[in-house]
Amino acid sequence: MKAKRRVMKLPRNGDVPFTQANISLAQREFGYKSITDLQTGLKKFLRWYEKYYGSGKKSNH
């Protein structure tokens, strides 16, 4: 069977307006509960990103 594609126009920056994430199965089957709030998660991600890819700032040294 050939896949049916639905192409949707996204914002230019690549952000999607919503996601289809559904963690109810993980919650039910494994007792998963998120313990990281959005603000903390974003801070951790940015620290990791800058460490992994560099801050993008050029040094005068």
PDB file of N, CA and C in Angstrom:
ATOM      1  N   MET A   1       0.849  -1.173   0.000  1.00  0.00           N
ATOM      2  CA  MET A   1       0.000   0.000   0.000  1.00  0.00           C
ATOM      3  C   MET A   1       0.893   1.233   0.000  1.00  0.00           C
ATOM      4  N   LYS A   2       0.556   2.177  -0.803  1.00  0.00           N
ATOM      5  CA  LYS A   2       1.310   3.420  -0.870  1.00  0.00           C
ATOM      6  C   LYS A   2       0.874   4.358   0.254  1.00  0.00           C
ATOM      7  N   ALA A   3       1.840   5.035   0.847  1.00  0.00           N
ATOM      8  CA  ALA A   3       1.555   5.962   1.948  1.00  0.00           C
ATOM      9  C   ALA A   3       0.778   7.171   1.446  1.00  0.00           C
ATOM     10  N   LYS A   4      -0.136   7.636   2.261  1.00  0.00           N
ATOM     11  CA  LYS A   4      -0.862   8.872   1.963  1.00  0.00           C
ATOM     12  C   LYS A   4      -0.166   9.993   2.701  1.00  0.00           C
ATOM     13  N   ARG A   5       0.389  10.933   1.960  1.00  0.00           N
ATOM     14  CA  ARG A   5       1.111  12.040   2.590  1.00  0.00           C
ATOM     15  C   ARG A   5       0.203  13.248   2.720  1.00  0.00           C
ATOM     16  N   ARG A   6       0.329  13.891   3.842  1.00  0.00           N
ATOM     17  CA  ARG A   6      -0.381  15.143   4.075  1.00  0.00           C
ATOM     18  C   ARG A   6       0.670  16.196   4.366  1.00  0.00           C
ATOM     19  N   VAL A   7       0.957  17.056   3.406  1.00  0.00           N
ATOM     20  CA  VAL A   7       1.975  18.082   3.571  1.00  0.00           C
ATOM     21  C   VAL A   7       1.320  19.312   4.196  1.00  0.00           C
ATOM     22  N   MET A   8       1.907  19.749   5.315  1.00  0.00           N
ATOM     23  CA  MET A   8       1.360  20.899   6.008  1.00  0.00           C
ATOM     24  C   MET A   8       2.381  22.021   6.000  1.00  0.00           C
ATOM     25  N   LYS A   9       1.912  23.233   5.806  1.00  0.00           N
ATOM     26  CA  LYS A   9       2.791  24.393   5.839  1.00  0.00           C
ATOM     27  C   LYS A   9       3.176  24.685   7.287  1.00  0.00           C
ATOM     28  N   LEU A  10       4.470  24.790   7.534  1.00  0.00           N
ATOM     29  CA  LEU A  10       4.976  25.064   8.874  1.00  0.00           C
ATOM     30  C   LEU A  10       5.564  26.469   8.941  1.00  0.00           C
ATOM     31  N   PRO A  11       5.737  26.991  10.140  1.00  0.00           N
ATOM     32  CA  PRO A  11       6.406  28.291  10.268  1.00  0.00           C
ATOM     33  C   PRO A  11       7.809  28.232   9.680  1.00  0.00           C
ATOM     34  N   ARG A  12       8.319  29.354   9.239  1.00  0.00           N
ATOM     35  CA  ARG A  12       9.632  29.397   8.592  1.00  0.00           C
ATOM     36  C   ARG A  12      10.773  28.931   9.489  1.00  0.00           C
ATOM     37  N   ASN A  13      10.641  29.103  10.799  1.00  0.00           N
ATOM     38  CA  ASN A  13      11.728  28.725  11.696  1.00  0.00           C
ATOM     39  C   ASN A  13      11.753  27.228  12.006  1.00  0.00           C
ATOM     40  N   GLY A  14      10.808  26.477  11.493  1.00  0.00           N
ATOM     41  CA  GLY A  14      10.790  25.037  11.679  1.00  0.00           C
ATOM     42  C   GLY A  14      10.016  24.561  12.890  1.00  0.00           C
ATOM     43  N   ASP A  15       9.545  25.481  13.718  1.00  0.00           N
ATOM     44  CA  ASP A  15       8.765  25.074  14.886  1.00  0.00           C
ATOM     45  C   ASP A  15       7.396  24.561  14.442  1.00  0.00           C
ATOM     46  N   VAL A  16       6.939  23.520  15.075  1.00  0.00           N
ATOM     47  CA  VAL A  16       5.611  23.012  14.783  1.00  0.00           C
ATOM     48  C   VAL A  16       4.617  23.623  15.761  1.00  0.00           C
ATOM     49  N   PRO A  17       3.402  23.908  15.338  1.00  0.00           N
ATOM     50  CA  PRO A  17       2.440  24.553  16.219  1.00  0.00           C
ATOM     51  C   PRO A  17       1.937  23.640  17.332  1.00  0.00           C
ATOM     52  N   PHE A  18       2.025  22.325  17.172  1.00  0.00           N
ATOM     53  CA  PHE A  18       1.605  21.374  18.190  1.00  0.00           C
ATOM     54  C   PHE A  18       2.292  20.043  17.918  1.00  0.00           C
ATOM     55  N   THR A  19       2.266  19.152  18.891  1.00  0.00           N
ATOM     56  CA  THR A  19       2.827  17.814  18.681  1.00  0.00           C
ATOM     57  C   THR A  19       1.741  16.786  18.960  1.00  0.00           C
ATOM     58  N   GLN A  20       2.003  15.586  18.560  1.00  0.00           N
ATOM     59  CA  GLN A  20       1.065  14.503  18.790  1.00  0.00           C
ATOM     60  C   GLN A  20       1.546  13.586  19.906  1.00  0.00           C
ATOM     61  N   ALA A  21       2.464  14.071  20.737  1.00  0.00           N
ATOM     62  CA  ALA A  21       3.010  13.246  21.811  1.00  0.00           C
ATOM     63  C   ALA A  21       1.896  12.807  22.760  1.00  0.00           C
ATOM     64  N   ASN A  22       1.877  11.521  23.037  1.00  0.00           N
ATOM     65  CA  ASN A  22       0.904  10.973  23.960  1.00  0.00           C
ATOM     66  C   ASN A  22       1.642   9.992  24.855  1.00  0.00           C
ATOM     67  N   ILE A  23       1.827  10.351  26.111  1.00  0.00           N
ATOM     68  CA  ILE A  23       2.590   9.504  27.020  1.00  0.00           C
ATOM     69  C   ILE A  23       1.688   8.668  27.927  1.00  0.00           C
ATOM     70  N   SER A  24       0.408   8.602  27.610  1.00  0.00           N
ATOM     71  CA  SER A  24      -0.522   7.880  28.486  1.00  0.00           C
ATOM     72  C   SER A  24      -0.168   6.398  28.605  1.00  0.00           C
ATOM     73  N   LEU A  25       0.319   5.759  27.551  1.00  0.00           N
ATOM     74  CA  LEU A  25       0.698   4.347  27.632  1.00  0.00           C
ATOM     75  C   LEU A  25       1.883   4.165  28.583  1.00  0.00           C
ATOM     76  N   ALA A  26       2.885   5.039  28.483  1.00  0.00           N
ATOM     77  CA  ALA A  26       4.034   4.963  29.389  1.00  0.00           C
ATOM     78  C   ALA A  26       3.597   5.216  30.831  1.00  0.00           C
ATOM     79  N   GLN A  27       2.654   6.117  31.014  1.00  0.00           N
ATOM     80  CA  GLN A  27       2.151   6.384  32.356  1.00  0.00           C
ATOM     81  C   GLN A  27       1.430   5.159  32.913  1.00  0.00           C
ATOM     82  N   ARG A  28       0.587   4.570  32.088  1.00  0.00           N
ATOM     83  CA  ARG A  28      -0.212   3.434  32.532  1.00  0.00           C
ATOM     84  C   ARG A  28       0.636   2.174  32.725  1.00  0.00           C
ATOM     85  N   GLU A  29       1.472   1.848  31.740  1.00  0.00           N
ATOM     86  CA  GLU A  29       2.220   0.593  31.775  1.00  0.00           C
ATOM     87  C   GLU A  29       3.456   0.633  32.672  1.00  0.00           C
ATOM     88  N   PHE A  30       4.118   1.790  32.734  1.00  0.00           N
ATOM     89  CA  PHE A  30       5.381   1.873  33.461  1.00  0.00           C
ATOM     90  C   PHE A  30       5.347   2.802  34.659  1.00  0.00           C
ATOM     91  N   GLY A  31       4.213   3.470  34.861  1.00  0.00           N
ATOM     92  CA  GLY A  31       4.124   4.412  35.964  1.00  0.00           C
ATOM     93  C   GLY A  31       4.965   5.663  35.734  1.00  0.00           C
ATOM     94  N   TYR A  32       5.241   5.979  34.453  1.00  0.00           N
ATOM     95  CA  TYR A  32       6.080   7.139  34.132  1.00  0.00           C
ATOM     96  C   TYR A  32       5.414   8.429  34.576  1.00  0.00           C
ATOM     97  N   LYS A  33       6.212   9.289  35.163  1.00  0.00           N
ATOM     98  CA  LYS A  33       5.735  10.624  35.531  1.00  0.00           C
ATOM     99  C   LYS A  33       6.881  11.601  35.297  1.00  0.00           C
ATOM    100  N   SER A  34       6.629  12.612  34.513  1.00  0.00           N
ATOM    101  CA  SER A  34       7.642  13.621  34.228  1.00  0.00           C
ATOM    102  C   SER A  34       7.957  14.386  35.505  1.00  0.00           C
ATOM    103  N   ILE A  35       9.255  14.581  35.764  1.00  0.00           N
ATOM    104  CA  ILE A  35       9.642  15.312  36.971  1.00  0.00           C
ATOM    105  C   ILE A  35      10.372  16.610  36.642  1.00  0.00           C
ATOM    106  N   THR A  36      10.577  16.868  35.355  1.00  0.00           N
ATOM    107  CA  THR A  36      11.282  18.086  34.943  1.00  0.00           C
ATOM    108  C   THR A  36      10.283  19.058  34.326  1.00  0.00           C
ATOM    109  N   ASP A  37      10.196  20.257  34.908  1.00  0.00           N
ATOM    110  CA  ASP A  37       9.297  21.253  34.343  1.00  0.00           C
ATOM    111  C   ASP A  37       9.944  21.875  33.100  1.00  0.00           C
ATOM    112  N   LEU A  38       9.156  22.547  32.295  1.00  0.00           N
ATOM    113  CA  LEU A  38       9.619  23.098  31.026  1.00  0.00           C
ATOM    114  C   LEU A  38      10.810  24.031  31.197  1.00  0.00           C
ATOM    115  N   GLN A  39      10.734  24.963  32.129  1.00  0.00           N
ATOM    116  CA  GLN A  39      11.817  25.935  32.328  1.00  0.00           C
ATOM    117  C   GLN A  39      13.136  25.236  32.650  1.00  0.00           C
ATOM    118  N   THR A  40      13.114  24.273  33.558  1.00  0.00           N
ATOM    119  CA  THR A  40      14.319  23.527  33.930  1.00  0.00           C
ATOM    120  C   THR A  40      14.833  22.722  32.741  1.00  0.00           C
ATOM    121  N   GLY A  41      13.929  22.072  32.019  1.00  0.00           N
ATOM    122  CA  GLY A  41      14.324  21.285  30.852  1.00  0.00           C
ATOM    123  C   GLY A  41      14.990  22.133  29.786  1.00  0.00           C
ATOM    124  N   LEU A  42      14.462  23.333  29.542  1.00  0.00           N
ATOM    125  CA  LEU A  42      15.062  24.224  28.544  1.00  0.00           C
ATOM    126  C   LEU A  42      16.448  24.681  28.980  1.00  0.00           C
ATOM    127  N   LYS A  43      16.603  25.003  30.251  1.00  0.00           N
ATOM    128  CA  LYS A  43      17.920  25.410  30.750  1.00  0.00           C
ATOM    129  C   LYS A  43      18.939  24.290  30.593  1.00  0.00           C
ATOM    130  N   LYS A  44      18.542  23.066  30.956  1.00  0.00           N
ATOM    131  CA  LYS A  44      19.443  21.915  30.821  1.00  0.00           C
ATOM    132  C   LYS A  44      19.803  21.682  29.362  1.00  0.00           C
ATOM    133  N   PHE A  45      18.822  21.796  28.476  1.00  0.00           N
ATOM    134  CA  PHE A  45      19.074  21.598  27.048  1.00  0.00           C
ATOM    135  C   PHE A  45      20.059  22.638  26.525  1.00  0.00           C
ATOM    136  N   LEU A  46      19.867  23.904  26.902  1.00  0.00           N
ATOM    137  CA  LEU A  46      20.759  24.956  26.429  1.00  0.00           C
ATOM    138  C   LEU A  46      22.181  24.764  26.933  1.00  0.00           C
ATOM    139  N   ARG A  47      22.329  24.347  28.185  1.00  0.00           N
ATOM    140  CA  ARG A  47      23.679  24.057  28.709  1.00  0.00           C
ATOM    141  C   ARG A  47      24.342  22.939  27.907  1.00  0.00           C
ATOM    142  N   TRP A  48      23.570  21.870  27.651  1.00  0.00           N
ATOM    143  CA  TRP A  48      24.111  20.760  26.871  1.00  0.00           C
ATOM    144  C   TRP A  48      24.476  21.217  25.460  1.00  0.00           C
ATOM    145  N   TYR A  49      23.586  21.973  24.828  1.00  0.00           N
ATOM    146  CA  TYR A  49      23.791  22.415  23.445  1.00  0.00           C
ATOM    147  C   TYR A  49      25.057  23.255  23.331  1.00  0.00           C
ATOM    148  N   GLU A  50      25.213  24.204  24.250  1.00  0.00           N
ATOM    149  CA  GLU A  50      26.396  25.065  24.209  1.00  0.00           C
ATOM    150  C   GLU A  50      27.672  24.275  24.486  1.00  0.00           C
ATOM    151  N   LYS A  51      27.612  23.299  25.373  1.00  0.00           N
ATOM    152  CA  LYS A  51      28.778  22.466  25.646  1.00  0.00           C
ATOM    153  C   LYS A  51      29.119  21.599  24.432  1.00  0.00           C
ATOM    154  N   TYR A  52      28.119  21.055  23.794  1.00  0.00           N
ATOM    155  CA  TYR A  52      28.324  20.137  22.668  1.00  0.00           C
ATOM    156  C   TYR A  52      28.719  20.874  21.389  1.00  0.00           C
ATOM    157  N   TYR A  53      28.007  21.964  21.077  1.00  0.00           N
ATOM    158  CA  TYR A  53      28.224  22.681  19.822  1.00  0.00           C
ATOM    159  C   TYR A  53      29.023  23.963  19.987  1.00  0.00           C
ATOM    160  N   GLY A  54      29.216  24.424  21.188  1.00  0.00           N
ATOM    161  CA  GLY A  54      29.882  25.711  21.421  1.00  0.00           C
ATOM    162  C   GLY A  54      28.844  26.810  21.460  1.00  0.00           C
ATOM    163  N   SER A  55      29.203  27.901  22.091  1.00  0.00           N
ATOM    164  CA  SER A  55      28.243  28.998  22.265  1.00  0.00           C
ATOM    165  C   SER A  55      28.078  29.829  21.011  1.00  0.00           C
ATOM    166  N   GLY A  56      28.982  29.675  20.046  1.00  0.00           N
ATOM    167  CA  GLY A  56      28.905  30.466  18.823  1.00  0.00           C
ATOM    168  C   GLY A  56      29.570  31.814  18.946  1.00  0.00           C
ATOM    169  N   LYS A  57      30.048  32.131  20.142  1.00  0.00           N
ATOM    170  CA  LYS A  57      30.741  33.398  20.354  1.00  0.00           C
ATOM    171  C   LYS A  57      32.207  33.213  20.011  1.00  0.00           C
ATOM    172  N   LYS A  58      32.744  34.170  19.287  1.00  0.00           N
ATOM    173  CA  LYS A  58      34.152  34.099  18.916  1.00  0.00           C
ATOM    174  C   LYS A  58      35.013  34.713  20.014  1.00  0.00           C
ATOM    175  N   SER A  59      36.093  34.052  20.317  1.00  0.00           N
ATOM    176  CA  SER A  59      36.990  34.514  21.361  1.00  0.00           C
ATOM    177  C   SER A  59      38.069  35.401  20.758  1.00  0.00           C
ATOM    178  N   ASN A  60      38.533  36.391  21.508  1.00  0.00           N
ATOM    179  CA  ASN A  60      39.607  37.279  21.043  1.00  0.00           C
ATOM    180  C   ASN A  60      40.988  36.705  21.353  1.00  0.00           C
ATOM    181  N   HIS A  61      41.036  35.512  21.944  1.00  0.00           N
ATOM    182  CA  HIS A  61      42.317  34.901  22.338  1.00  0.00           C
ATOM    183  C   HIS A  61      42.965  34.226  21.168  1.00  0.00           C
TER     184      HIS A  61
END
